[in-house]
């Protein structure tokens, strides 16, 4: 893995939230794009546990020019999910266009899988052959489906720091987690509040 692997934000507690958090410094005028290339997208889905290293290895060899359309669609999907999460955070209904984009991506992901019969065992899903270049986009779509359908939405939080738009699943015992990371946003926000109270 390259050093760029370290640039991903893993505070989300769910791959779909980690996908949203791949746009770093989101509230600022010049956010940092961590899904700049197709290889970045493949690296992300592998590190997020959405693809096996062997499948990711096959996809890493594709030309970035070939994957530019796919990574562009992944970024669009990410922003649609971000807008849905932000709407929920502010207790507003999600936009129909965002939900339509997500629904289309989920349908395409399901349509790219086939049932196979491993030995021994019954059947399981596999990607159709030859391996579609869209697989990284598809696994992100399926992760988003799991988040929106299966996750406990009451535990999804936005970081409480005024300058951070990271989303995460609150798995703390008392369900009082406020920050994406105590070492960063938590300490900085507490210091800011302490200075404001002086």
N, C-alpha and C. Protein backbone atom coordinates (compact mmCIF):
# COMPACT_ATOMS: atom_id res chain seq x y z
N UNK A 1 0.84 -1.20 0.00
CA UNK A 1 0.00 0.00 0.00
C UNK A 1 0.88 1.26 0.00
N UNK A 2 0.41 2.27 -0.65
CA UNK A 2 1.15 3.53 -0.66
C UNK A 2 0.83 4.32 0.60
N UNK A 3 1.56 5.40 0.79
CA UNK A 3 1.32 6.25 1.95
C UNK A 3 -0.06 6.89 1.92
N UNK A 4 -0.68 6.98 0.73
CA UNK A 4 -2.01 7.58 0.63
C UNK A 4 -3.03 6.79 1.43
N UNK A 5 -2.75 5.50 1.68
CA UNK A 5 -3.70 4.70 2.46
C UNK A 5 -3.91 5.30 3.83
N UNK A 6 -2.90 5.98 4.37
CA UNK A 6 -3.01 6.58 5.70
C UNK A 6 -3.91 7.81 5.70
N UNK A 7 -4.25 8.33 4.53
CA UNK A 7 -5.04 9.56 4.48
C UNK A 7 -6.54 9.31 4.69
N UNK A 8 -6.98 8.07 4.67
CA UNK A 8 -8.40 7.79 4.87
C UNK A 8 -8.78 7.96 6.33
N UNK A 9 -9.99 8.46 6.54
CA UNK A 9 -10.55 8.68 7.87
C UNK A 9 -11.36 7.45 8.25
N UNK A 10 -10.95 6.76 9.33
CA UNK A 10 -11.60 5.49 9.71
C UNK A 10 -12.42 5.62 10.99
N UNK A 11 -12.91 6.82 11.28
CA UNK A 11 -13.68 7.03 12.51
C UNK A 11 -15.15 6.65 12.35
N UNK A 12 -15.59 6.32 11.14
CA UNK A 12 -17.01 6.12 10.87
C UNK A 12 -17.65 4.93 11.56
N UNK A 13 -16.88 3.85 11.72
CA UNK A 13 -17.46 2.65 12.33
C UNK A 13 -18.35 1.87 11.38
N UNK A 14 -18.44 2.28 10.13
CA UNK A 14 -19.20 1.58 9.10
C UNK A 14 -18.58 1.98 7.75
N UNK A 15 -18.41 1.02 6.83
CA UNK A 15 -17.76 1.36 5.56
C UNK A 15 -18.44 2.48 4.79
N UNK A 16 -19.76 2.56 4.84
CA UNK A 16 -20.46 3.63 4.11
C UNK A 16 -20.15 5.00 4.71
N UNK A 17 -20.02 5.07 6.03
CA UNK A 17 -19.66 6.34 6.66
C UNK A 17 -18.20 6.67 6.40
N UNK A 18 -17.35 5.64 6.38
CA UNK A 18 -15.95 5.87 6.03
C UNK A 18 -15.84 6.38 4.60
N UNK A 19 -16.73 5.92 3.72
CA UNK A 19 -16.76 6.44 2.34
C UNK A 19 -17.10 7.93 2.35
N UNK A 20 -18.12 8.32 3.09
CA UNK A 20 -18.50 9.73 3.18
C UNK A 20 -17.32 10.56 3.67
N UNK A 21 -16.57 10.00 4.59
CA UNK A 21 -15.46 10.73 5.22
C UNK A 21 -14.20 10.76 4.37
N UNK A 22 -14.25 10.19 3.13
CA UNK A 22 -13.07 10.26 2.26
C UNK A 22 -12.86 11.66 1.69
N UNK A 23 -13.87 12.54 1.80
CA UNK A 23 -13.64 13.94 1.46
C UNK A 23 -13.28 14.65 2.76
N UNK A 24 -12.01 14.92 2.92
CA UNK A 24 -11.49 15.47 4.18
C UNK A 24 -11.60 17.00 4.18
N UNK A 25 -11.70 17.56 5.37
CA UNK A 25 -11.82 19.02 5.52
C UNK A 25 -13.04 19.56 4.77
N UNK A 26 -14.13 18.80 4.81
CA UNK A 26 -15.32 19.10 4.02
C UNK A 26 -15.90 20.51 4.24
N UNK A 27 -15.94 21.03 5.47
CA UNK A 27 -16.59 22.34 5.61
C UNK A 27 -15.75 23.51 5.12
N UNK A 28 -14.50 23.26 4.74
CA UNK A 28 -13.61 24.34 4.35
C UNK A 28 -13.67 24.60 2.84
N UNK A 29 -13.21 25.75 2.38
CA UNK A 29 -13.32 26.10 0.95
C UNK A 29 -12.59 25.13 0.02
N UNK A 30 -11.50 24.53 0.48
CA UNK A 30 -10.73 23.61 -0.38
C UNK A 30 -10.59 22.25 0.30
N UNK A 31 -11.65 21.43 0.26
CA UNK A 31 -11.57 20.11 0.90
C UNK A 31 -10.54 19.23 0.19
N UNK A 32 -10.07 18.21 0.90
CA UNK A 32 -9.05 17.31 0.37
C UNK A 32 -9.74 16.05 -0.14
N UNK A 33 -9.55 15.77 -1.43
CA UNK A 33 -10.17 14.61 -2.07
C UNK A 33 -9.25 13.40 -1.93
N UNK A 34 -9.68 12.42 -1.17
CA UNK A 34 -8.89 11.20 -0.99
C UNK A 34 -9.28 10.09 -1.96
N UNK A 35 -10.29 10.34 -2.80
CA UNK A 35 -10.63 9.42 -3.89
C UNK A 35 -10.35 10.13 -5.21
N UNK A 36 -9.10 10.51 -5.40
CA UNK A 36 -8.72 11.27 -6.59
C UNK A 36 -8.64 10.38 -7.82
N UNK A 37 -8.29 9.12 -7.64
CA UNK A 37 -8.10 8.21 -8.77
C UNK A 37 -8.82 6.89 -8.52
N UNK A 38 -8.93 6.11 -9.58
CA UNK A 38 -9.54 4.78 -9.46
C UNK A 38 -8.73 3.92 -8.49
N UNK A 39 -7.42 4.03 -8.55
CA UNK A 39 -6.59 3.24 -7.63
C UNK A 39 -6.87 3.61 -6.16
N UNK A 40 -7.13 4.90 -5.92
CA UNK A 40 -7.50 5.32 -4.56
C UNK A 40 -8.80 4.64 -4.13
N UNK A 41 -9.77 4.57 -5.05
CA UNK A 41 -11.05 3.92 -4.74
C UNK A 41 -10.85 2.45 -4.44
N UNK A 42 -10.05 1.77 -5.25
CA UNK A 42 -9.78 0.34 -5.01
C UNK A 42 -9.08 0.16 -3.67
N UNK A 43 -8.11 1.02 -3.38
CA UNK A 43 -7.39 0.93 -2.10
C UNK A 43 -8.35 1.13 -0.93
N UNK A 44 -9.26 2.10 -1.08
CA UNK A 44 -10.22 2.35 -0.02
C UNK A 44 -11.11 1.13 0.24
N UNK A 45 -11.70 0.56 -0.82
CA UNK A 45 -12.63 -0.56 -0.60
C UNK A 45 -11.92 -1.79 -0.05
N UNK A 46 -10.65 -1.95 -0.41
CA UNK A 46 -9.89 -3.07 0.18
C UNK A 46 -9.64 -2.83 1.66
N UNK A 47 -9.15 -1.63 2.02
CA UNK A 47 -8.86 -1.34 3.43
C UNK A 47 -10.13 -1.33 4.28
N UNK A 48 -11.26 -0.98 3.66
CA UNK A 48 -12.54 -0.97 4.37
C UNK A 48 -13.11 -2.38 4.53
N UNK A 49 -12.46 -3.37 3.95
CA UNK A 49 -12.93 -4.75 4.06
C UNK A 49 -14.07 -5.08 3.12
N UNK A 50 -14.27 -4.27 2.08
CA UNK A 50 -15.36 -4.51 1.14
C UNK A 50 -14.95 -5.39 -0.03
N UNK A 51 -13.65 -5.52 -0.24
CA UNK A 51 -13.11 -6.39 -1.29
C UNK A 51 -11.95 -7.18 -0.73
N UNK A 52 -11.80 -8.40 -1.21
CA UNK A 52 -10.65 -9.20 -0.80
C UNK A 52 -9.39 -8.65 -1.45
N UNK A 53 -8.23 -8.87 -0.84
CA UNK A 53 -6.99 -8.39 -1.45
C UNK A 53 -6.76 -8.95 -2.85
N UNK A 54 -7.19 -10.19 -3.11
CA UNK A 54 -6.96 -10.77 -4.43
C UNK A 54 -7.78 -10.05 -5.50
N UNK A 55 -9.04 -9.75 -5.21
CA UNK A 55 -9.87 -9.02 -6.17
C UNK A 55 -9.34 -7.60 -6.33
N UNK A 56 -8.99 -6.96 -5.22
CA UNK A 56 -8.44 -5.60 -5.29
C UNK A 56 -7.17 -5.59 -6.12
N UNK A 57 -6.34 -6.62 -5.97
CA UNK A 57 -5.10 -6.70 -6.73
C UNK A 57 -5.36 -6.76 -8.23
N UNK A 58 -6.39 -7.49 -8.63
CA UNK A 58 -6.74 -7.56 -10.05
C UNK A 58 -7.17 -6.18 -10.57
N UNK A 59 -7.93 -5.47 -9.76
CA UNK A 59 -8.47 -4.18 -10.18
C UNK A 59 -7.42 -3.07 -10.16
N UNK A 60 -6.42 -3.19 -9.30
CA UNK A 60 -5.38 -2.15 -9.20
C UNK A 60 -4.60 -2.01 -10.50
N UNK A 61 -4.61 -3.05 -11.32
CA UNK A 61 -3.82 -3.01 -12.55
C UNK A 61 -4.53 -2.30 -13.70
N UNK A 62 -5.78 -1.91 -13.50
CA UNK A 62 -6.50 -1.20 -14.54
C UNK A 62 -5.96 0.22 -14.68
N UNK A 63 -5.97 0.70 -15.88
CA UNK A 63 -5.52 2.06 -16.16
C UNK A 63 -6.44 3.06 -15.47
N UNK A 64 -5.87 4.09 -14.83
CA UNK A 64 -6.68 5.11 -14.17
C UNK A 64 -7.62 5.82 -15.13
N UNK A 65 -7.19 5.93 -16.40
CA UNK A 65 -8.06 6.57 -17.38
C UNK A 65 -9.34 5.75 -17.55
N UNK A 66 -9.21 4.43 -17.53
CA UNK A 66 -10.37 3.54 -17.65
C UNK A 66 -11.29 3.74 -16.45
N UNK A 67 -10.70 3.93 -15.28
CA UNK A 67 -11.50 4.02 -14.06
C UNK A 67 -11.96 5.41 -13.70
N UNK A 68 -11.61 6.43 -14.48
CA UNK A 68 -11.96 7.81 -14.10
C UNK A 68 -13.48 8.00 -14.03
N UNK A 69 -14.21 7.38 -14.94
CA UNK A 69 -15.67 7.48 -14.93
C UNK A 69 -16.23 6.82 -13.67
N UNK A 70 -15.65 5.69 -13.28
CA UNK A 70 -16.15 4.94 -12.13
C UNK A 70 -15.88 5.70 -10.84
N UNK A 71 -14.68 6.24 -10.67
CA UNK A 71 -14.38 6.98 -9.44
C UNK A 71 -15.21 8.26 -9.38
N UNK A 72 -15.51 8.84 -10.53
CA UNK A 72 -16.40 10.01 -10.55
C UNK A 72 -17.80 9.65 -10.06
N UNK A 73 -18.30 8.49 -10.48
CA UNK A 73 -19.61 8.04 -10.02
C UNK A 73 -19.59 7.71 -8.53
N UNK A 74 -18.46 7.16 -8.05
CA UNK A 74 -18.34 6.86 -6.62
C UNK A 74 -18.36 8.14 -5.80
N UNK A 75 -17.69 9.18 -6.28
CA UNK A 75 -17.70 10.46 -5.56
C UNK A 75 -19.11 11.07 -5.55
N UNK A 76 -19.83 10.95 -6.67
CA UNK A 76 -21.20 11.46 -6.72
C UNK A 76 -22.09 10.69 -5.74
N UNK A 77 -21.93 9.37 -5.71
CA UNK A 77 -22.70 8.54 -4.78
C UNK A 77 -22.40 8.93 -3.34
N UNK A 78 -21.12 9.14 -3.05
CA UNK A 78 -20.70 9.57 -1.71
C UNK A 78 -21.38 10.88 -1.31
N UNK A 79 -21.42 11.83 -2.23
CA UNK A 79 -22.02 13.13 -1.90
C UNK A 79 -23.54 13.02 -1.73
N UNK A 80 -24.17 12.12 -2.47
CA UNK A 80 -25.61 11.89 -2.27
C UNK A 80 -25.87 11.33 -0.88
N UNK A 81 -25.04 10.37 -0.45
CA UNK A 81 -25.20 9.81 0.89
C UNK A 81 -24.93 10.89 1.94
N UNK A 82 -23.90 11.70 1.72
CA UNK A 82 -23.62 12.79 2.66
C UNK A 82 -24.84 13.70 2.81
N UNK A 83 -25.46 14.05 1.69
CA UNK A 83 -26.64 14.92 1.74
C UNK A 83 -27.80 14.26 2.49
N UNK A 84 -27.97 12.94 2.31
CA UNK A 84 -29.02 12.21 3.03
C UNK A 84 -28.72 12.23 4.54
N UNK A 85 -27.46 12.00 4.90
CA UNK A 85 -27.08 12.01 6.32
C UNK A 85 -27.25 13.40 6.93
N UNK A 86 -26.87 14.42 6.18
CA UNK A 86 -27.00 15.79 6.67
C UNK A 86 -28.48 16.16 6.85
N UNK A 87 -29.31 15.73 5.91
CA UNK A 87 -30.75 15.98 6.04
C UNK A 87 -31.29 15.31 7.30
N UNK A 88 -30.89 14.07 7.54
CA UNK A 88 -31.34 13.37 8.75
C UNK A 88 -30.84 14.07 10.01
N UNK A 89 -29.58 14.54 9.97
CA UNK A 89 -29.00 15.24 11.11
C UNK A 89 -29.82 16.48 11.48
N UNK A 90 -30.28 17.19 10.45
CA UNK A 90 -31.07 18.41 10.68
C UNK A 90 -32.58 18.13 10.67
N UNK A 91 -32.92 16.84 10.72
CA UNK A 91 -34.33 16.40 10.80
C UNK A 91 -35.16 16.92 9.63
N UNK A 92 -34.57 16.81 8.43
CA UNK A 92 -35.26 17.16 7.20
C UNK A 92 -35.40 15.92 6.34
N UNK A 93 -36.34 15.94 5.42
CA UNK A 93 -36.49 14.83 4.47
C UNK A 93 -35.35 14.88 3.46
N UNK A 94 -34.88 13.70 3.06
CA UNK A 94 -33.84 13.63 2.04
C UNK A 94 -34.41 14.02 0.68
N UNK A 95 -33.55 14.58 -0.16
CA UNK A 95 -33.99 14.96 -1.51
C UNK A 95 -34.23 13.71 -2.35
N UNK A 96 -35.28 13.76 -3.15
CA UNK A 96 -35.61 12.64 -4.02
C UNK A 96 -34.50 12.31 -4.99
N UNK A 97 -33.80 13.32 -5.51
CA UNK A 97 -32.72 13.07 -6.47
C UNK A 97 -31.57 12.29 -5.83
N UNK A 98 -31.26 12.58 -4.55
CA UNK A 98 -30.21 11.82 -3.86
C UNK A 98 -30.62 10.36 -3.68
N UNK A 99 -31.87 10.15 -3.27
CA UNK A 99 -32.35 8.79 -3.06
C UNK A 99 -32.42 8.02 -4.37
N UNK A 100 -32.76 8.71 -5.45
CA UNK A 100 -32.82 8.05 -6.76
C UNK A 100 -31.44 7.61 -7.22
N UNK A 101 -30.45 8.48 -7.04
CA UNK A 101 -29.07 8.12 -7.41
C UNK A 101 -28.59 6.92 -6.61
N UNK A 102 -28.86 6.92 -5.31
CA UNK A 102 -28.45 5.79 -4.46
C UNK A 102 -29.19 4.52 -4.86
N UNK A 103 -30.49 4.63 -5.10
CA UNK A 103 -31.29 3.46 -5.51
C UNK A 103 -30.77 2.87 -6.81
N UNK A 104 -30.46 3.72 -7.78
CA UNK A 104 -29.95 3.23 -9.07
C UNK A 104 -28.62 2.49 -8.88
N UNK A 105 -27.76 3.04 -8.03
CA UNK A 105 -26.46 2.40 -7.79
C UNK A 105 -26.63 1.05 -7.10
N UNK A 106 -27.56 0.96 -6.17
CA UNK A 106 -27.80 -0.30 -5.46
C UNK A 106 -28.36 -1.35 -6.42
N UNK A 107 -29.29 -0.94 -7.28
CA UNK A 107 -29.85 -1.87 -8.27
C UNK A 107 -28.76 -2.39 -9.20
N UNK A 108 -27.89 -1.50 -9.66
CA UNK A 108 -26.80 -1.91 -10.55
C UNK A 108 -25.85 -2.88 -9.85
N UNK A 109 -25.59 -2.65 -8.57
CA UNK A 109 -24.71 -3.55 -7.81
C UNK A 109 -25.32 -4.94 -7.70
N UNK A 110 -26.59 -5.01 -7.36
CA UNK A 110 -27.25 -6.32 -7.26
C UNK A 110 -27.27 -7.01 -8.62
N UNK A 111 -27.46 -6.24 -9.69
CA UNK A 111 -27.52 -6.81 -11.03
C UNK A 111 -26.20 -7.35 -11.53
N UNK A 112 -25.10 -6.97 -10.89
CA UNK A 112 -23.77 -7.41 -11.31
C UNK A 112 -23.29 -8.67 -10.59
N UNK A 113 -24.13 -9.17 -9.68
CA UNK A 113 -23.74 -10.37 -8.94
C UNK A 113 -24.46 -11.60 -9.50
N UNK A 114 -23.81 -12.73 -9.40
CA UNK A 114 -24.39 -14.00 -9.83
C UNK A 114 -24.25 -15.00 -8.70
N UNK A 115 -25.15 -15.98 -8.67
CA UNK A 115 -25.05 -17.05 -7.70
C UNK A 115 -24.08 -18.11 -8.21
N UNK A 116 -23.20 -18.56 -7.35
CA UNK A 116 -22.25 -19.64 -7.68
C UNK A 116 -22.38 -20.72 -6.62
N UNK A 117 -21.92 -21.90 -6.98
CA UNK A 117 -22.00 -23.03 -6.06
C UNK A 117 -20.59 -23.45 -5.68
N UNK A 118 -20.13 -22.97 -4.51
CA UNK A 118 -18.79 -23.40 -4.06
C UNK A 118 -18.85 -24.85 -3.61
N UNK A 119 -17.72 -25.45 -3.49
CA UNK A 119 -17.67 -26.83 -3.02
C UNK A 119 -16.82 -26.89 -1.77
N UNK A 120 -17.33 -27.36 -0.65
CA UNK A 120 -18.71 -27.78 -0.39
C UNK A 120 -19.57 -26.56 -0.06
N UNK A 121 -20.84 -26.78 0.08
CA UNK A 121 -21.75 -25.71 0.47
C UNK A 121 -22.86 -25.53 -0.54
N UNK A 122 -23.75 -24.63 -0.22
CA UNK A 122 -24.86 -24.35 -1.12
C UNK A 122 -24.42 -23.33 -2.16
N UNK A 123 -24.96 -22.13 -2.07
CA UNK A 123 -24.60 -21.11 -3.06
C UNK A 123 -24.21 -19.82 -2.37
N UNK A 124 -23.50 -18.98 -3.06
CA UNK A 124 -23.15 -17.67 -2.55
C UNK A 124 -23.05 -16.72 -3.74
N UNK A 125 -22.97 -15.44 -3.46
CA UNK A 125 -22.83 -14.45 -4.51
C UNK A 125 -21.38 -14.31 -4.94
N UNK A 126 -21.21 -14.05 -6.22
CA UNK A 126 -19.90 -13.71 -6.77
C UNK A 126 -20.13 -12.66 -7.84
N UNK A 127 -19.06 -12.00 -8.25
CA UNK A 127 -19.18 -11.01 -9.32
C UNK A 127 -19.15 -11.73 -10.65
N UNK A 128 -19.93 -11.23 -11.60
CA UNK A 128 -19.98 -11.85 -12.91
C UNK A 128 -18.61 -11.76 -13.57
N UNK A 129 -18.35 -12.71 -14.46
CA UNK A 129 -17.07 -12.75 -15.16
C UNK A 129 -17.26 -12.22 -16.58
N UNK A 130 -16.25 -11.53 -17.15
CA UNK A 130 -15.02 -11.10 -16.47
C UNK A 130 -15.32 -10.07 -15.39
N UNK A 131 -14.37 -9.93 -14.49
CA UNK A 131 -14.55 -9.06 -13.34
C UNK A 131 -14.89 -7.63 -13.79
N UNK A 132 -16.08 -7.12 -13.42
CA UNK A 132 -16.45 -5.77 -13.86
C UNK A 132 -15.58 -4.70 -13.20
N UNK A 133 -15.23 -3.68 -13.98
CA UNK A 133 -14.45 -2.58 -13.44
C UNK A 133 -15.25 -1.79 -12.40
N UNK A 134 -16.57 -1.93 -12.45
CA UNK A 134 -17.45 -1.21 -11.53
C UNK A 134 -17.51 -1.83 -10.13
N UNK A 135 -16.82 -2.93 -9.90
CA UNK A 135 -16.93 -3.63 -8.61
C UNK A 135 -16.66 -2.70 -7.42
N UNK A 136 -15.64 -1.84 -7.43
CA UNK A 136 -15.45 -0.95 -6.27
C UNK A 136 -16.66 -0.05 -6.02
N UNK A 137 -17.27 0.45 -7.09
CA UNK A 137 -18.48 1.26 -6.95
C UNK A 137 -19.63 0.40 -6.40
N UNK A 138 -19.73 -0.83 -6.90
CA UNK A 138 -20.81 -1.72 -6.46
C UNK A 138 -20.70 -2.06 -4.97
N UNK A 139 -19.49 -2.33 -4.49
CA UNK A 139 -19.37 -2.69 -3.07
C UNK A 139 -19.67 -1.49 -2.18
N UNK A 140 -19.35 -0.29 -2.66
CA UNK A 140 -19.74 0.92 -1.91
C UNK A 140 -21.25 1.06 -1.88
N UNK A 141 -21.91 0.78 -3.00
CA UNK A 141 -23.37 0.88 -3.07
C UNK A 141 -24.04 -0.10 -2.11
N UNK A 142 -23.51 -1.32 -2.04
CA UNK A 142 -24.08 -2.33 -1.15
C UNK A 142 -23.84 -1.96 0.32
N UNK A 143 -22.69 -1.34 0.60
CA UNK A 143 -22.43 -0.87 1.97
C UNK A 143 -23.40 0.23 2.35
N UNK A 144 -23.70 1.12 1.41
CA UNK A 144 -24.68 2.19 1.65
C UNK A 144 -26.06 1.59 1.90
N UNK A 145 -26.42 0.57 1.13
CA UNK A 145 -27.70 -0.09 1.35
C UNK A 145 -27.79 -0.66 2.77
N UNK A 146 -26.72 -1.32 3.21
CA UNK A 146 -26.72 -1.89 4.57
C UNK A 146 -26.85 -0.79 5.62
N UNK A 147 -26.17 0.34 5.40
CA UNK A 147 -26.26 1.45 6.36
C UNK A 147 -27.68 1.99 6.43
N UNK A 148 -28.29 2.23 5.27
CA UNK A 148 -29.60 2.87 5.23
C UNK A 148 -30.73 1.93 5.65
N UNK A 149 -30.56 0.63 5.41
CA UNK A 149 -31.64 -0.32 5.69
C UNK A 149 -31.45 -1.04 7.02
N UNK A 150 -30.22 -1.47 7.31
CA UNK A 150 -29.99 -2.35 8.46
C UNK A 150 -29.44 -1.67 9.70
N UNK A 151 -28.78 -0.54 9.53
CA UNK A 151 -28.10 0.09 10.69
C UNK A 151 -29.11 0.76 11.61
N UNK A 152 -28.74 0.86 12.87
CA UNK A 152 -29.54 1.59 13.85
C UNK A 152 -29.29 3.08 13.63
N UNK A 153 -30.24 3.75 12.99
CA UNK A 153 -30.04 5.15 12.61
C UNK A 153 -29.91 6.07 13.82
N UNK A 154 -30.44 5.65 14.95
CA UNK A 154 -30.34 6.50 16.15
C UNK A 154 -28.90 6.61 16.64
N UNK A 155 -28.01 5.74 16.16
CA UNK A 155 -26.61 5.76 16.60
C UNK A 155 -25.70 6.50 15.62
N UNK A 156 -26.24 6.95 14.51
CA UNK A 156 -25.42 7.67 13.54
C UNK A 156 -25.34 9.13 13.96
N UNK A 157 -24.11 9.63 14.12
CA UNK A 157 -23.89 10.99 14.60
C UNK A 157 -22.97 11.76 13.65
N UNK A 158 -23.09 13.07 13.74
CA UNK A 158 -22.13 13.96 13.09
C UNK A 158 -21.23 14.51 14.18
N UNK A 159 -19.95 14.63 13.91
CA UNK A 159 -19.01 15.17 14.89
C UNK A 159 -19.52 16.51 15.40
N UNK A 160 -19.41 16.72 16.70
CA UNK A 160 -19.91 17.93 17.33
C UNK A 160 -19.04 19.15 17.15
N UNK A 161 -17.84 18.98 16.60
CA UNK A 161 -16.97 20.14 16.36
C UNK A 161 -17.56 21.00 15.25
N UNK A 162 -17.53 22.30 15.43
CA UNK A 162 -18.17 23.21 14.46
C UNK A 162 -17.51 23.14 13.09
N UNK A 163 -16.23 22.72 13.04
CA UNK A 163 -15.50 22.71 11.78
C UNK A 163 -15.24 21.29 11.27
N UNK A 164 -16.07 20.33 11.66
CA UNK A 164 -15.88 18.94 11.24
C UNK A 164 -17.22 18.35 10.81
N UNK A 165 -17.23 17.75 9.64
CA UNK A 165 -18.44 17.12 9.12
C UNK A 165 -18.30 15.61 9.00
N UNK A 166 -17.49 15.01 9.87
CA UNK A 166 -17.32 13.56 9.87
C UNK A 166 -18.54 12.92 10.53
N UNK A 167 -19.05 11.86 9.89
CA UNK A 167 -20.14 11.07 10.46
C UNK A 167 -19.59 9.77 11.01
N UNK A 168 -20.23 9.27 12.08
CA UNK A 168 -19.78 8.03 12.70
C UNK A 168 -20.95 7.32 13.38
N UNK A 169 -20.76 6.03 13.66
CA UNK A 169 -21.73 5.26 14.44
C UNK A 169 -21.28 5.32 15.89
N UNK A 170 -22.16 5.75 16.76
CA UNK A 170 -21.83 5.84 18.19
C UNK A 170 -22.02 4.46 18.82
N UNK A 171 -20.92 3.80 19.08
CA UNK A 171 -20.97 2.48 19.73
C UNK A 171 -20.54 2.57 21.20
N UNK A 172 -20.44 3.79 21.71
CA UNK A 172 -20.04 3.95 23.11
C UNK A 172 -21.11 3.38 24.04
N UNK A 173 -20.68 2.98 25.21
CA UNK A 173 -21.58 2.31 26.16
C UNK A 173 -22.78 3.17 26.53
N UNK A 174 -22.54 4.45 26.75
CA UNK A 174 -23.63 5.34 27.19
C UNK A 174 -24.27 6.12 26.05
N UNK A 175 -23.79 5.89 24.81
CA UNK A 175 -24.34 6.58 23.64
C UNK A 175 -24.23 8.10 23.75
N UNK A 176 -23.07 8.56 24.27
CA UNK A 176 -22.85 10.00 24.43
C UNK A 176 -21.65 10.49 23.64
N UNK A 177 -21.17 9.70 22.68
CA UNK A 177 -19.99 10.12 21.91
C UNK A 177 -20.33 11.38 21.11
N UNK A 178 -19.48 12.38 21.20
CA UNK A 178 -19.72 13.65 20.52
C UNK A 178 -18.77 13.92 19.36
N UNK A 179 -17.58 13.31 19.41
CA UNK A 179 -16.53 13.71 18.48
C UNK A 179 -16.11 12.53 17.61
N UNK A 180 -15.63 12.85 16.41
CA UNK A 180 -15.09 11.77 15.57
C UNK A 180 -13.85 11.17 16.22
N UNK A 181 -13.06 12.02 16.89
CA UNK A 181 -11.87 11.56 17.62
C UNK A 181 -11.60 12.51 18.77
N UNK A 182 -11.44 11.97 19.95
CA UNK A 182 -11.19 12.81 21.12
C UNK A 182 -9.84 13.52 20.99
N UNK A 183 -8.83 12.83 20.41
CA UNK A 183 -7.50 13.42 20.30
C UNK A 183 -7.48 14.66 19.41
N UNK A 184 -8.34 14.68 18.41
CA UNK A 184 -8.36 15.82 17.50
C UNK A 184 -9.48 16.78 17.82
N UNK A 185 -10.66 16.49 17.26
CA UNK A 185 -11.79 17.40 17.40
C UNK A 185 -12.23 17.59 18.84
N UNK A 186 -12.26 16.53 19.63
CA UNK A 186 -12.72 16.64 21.00
C UNK A 186 -11.89 17.60 21.82
N UNK A 187 -10.57 17.41 21.81
CA UNK A 187 -9.68 18.29 22.56
C UNK A 187 -9.73 19.72 22.05
N UNK A 188 -9.73 19.87 20.71
CA UNK A 188 -9.76 21.21 20.12
C UNK A 188 -11.05 21.94 20.48
N UNK A 189 -12.18 21.23 20.45
CA UNK A 189 -13.46 21.87 20.74
C UNK A 189 -13.57 22.21 22.23
N UNK A 190 -13.06 21.34 23.08
CA UNK A 190 -13.10 21.64 24.52
C UNK A 190 -12.23 22.86 24.84
N UNK A 191 -11.08 22.97 24.21
CA UNK A 191 -10.22 24.14 24.42
C UNK A 191 -10.91 25.41 23.91
N UNK A 192 -11.56 25.31 22.75
CA UNK A 192 -12.27 26.46 22.20
C UNK A 192 -13.37 26.92 23.15
N UNK A 193 -14.13 25.97 23.70
CA UNK A 193 -15.22 26.31 24.62
C UNK A 193 -14.68 26.88 25.92
N UNK A 194 -13.55 26.34 26.37
CA UNK A 194 -12.94 26.85 27.62
C UNK A 194 -12.48 28.29 27.43
N UNK A 195 -11.86 28.59 26.27
CA UNK A 195 -11.40 29.95 26.00
C UNK A 195 -12.58 30.91 25.88
N UNK A 196 -13.68 30.44 25.26
CA UNK A 196 -14.85 31.28 25.09
C UNK A 196 -15.51 31.61 26.45
N UNK A 197 -15.35 30.71 27.44
CA UNK A 197 -15.96 30.92 28.75
C UNK A 197 -15.13 31.83 29.64
N UNK A 198 -13.88 32.12 29.26
CA UNK A 198 -12.99 32.95 30.09
C UNK A 198 -13.38 34.42 30.02
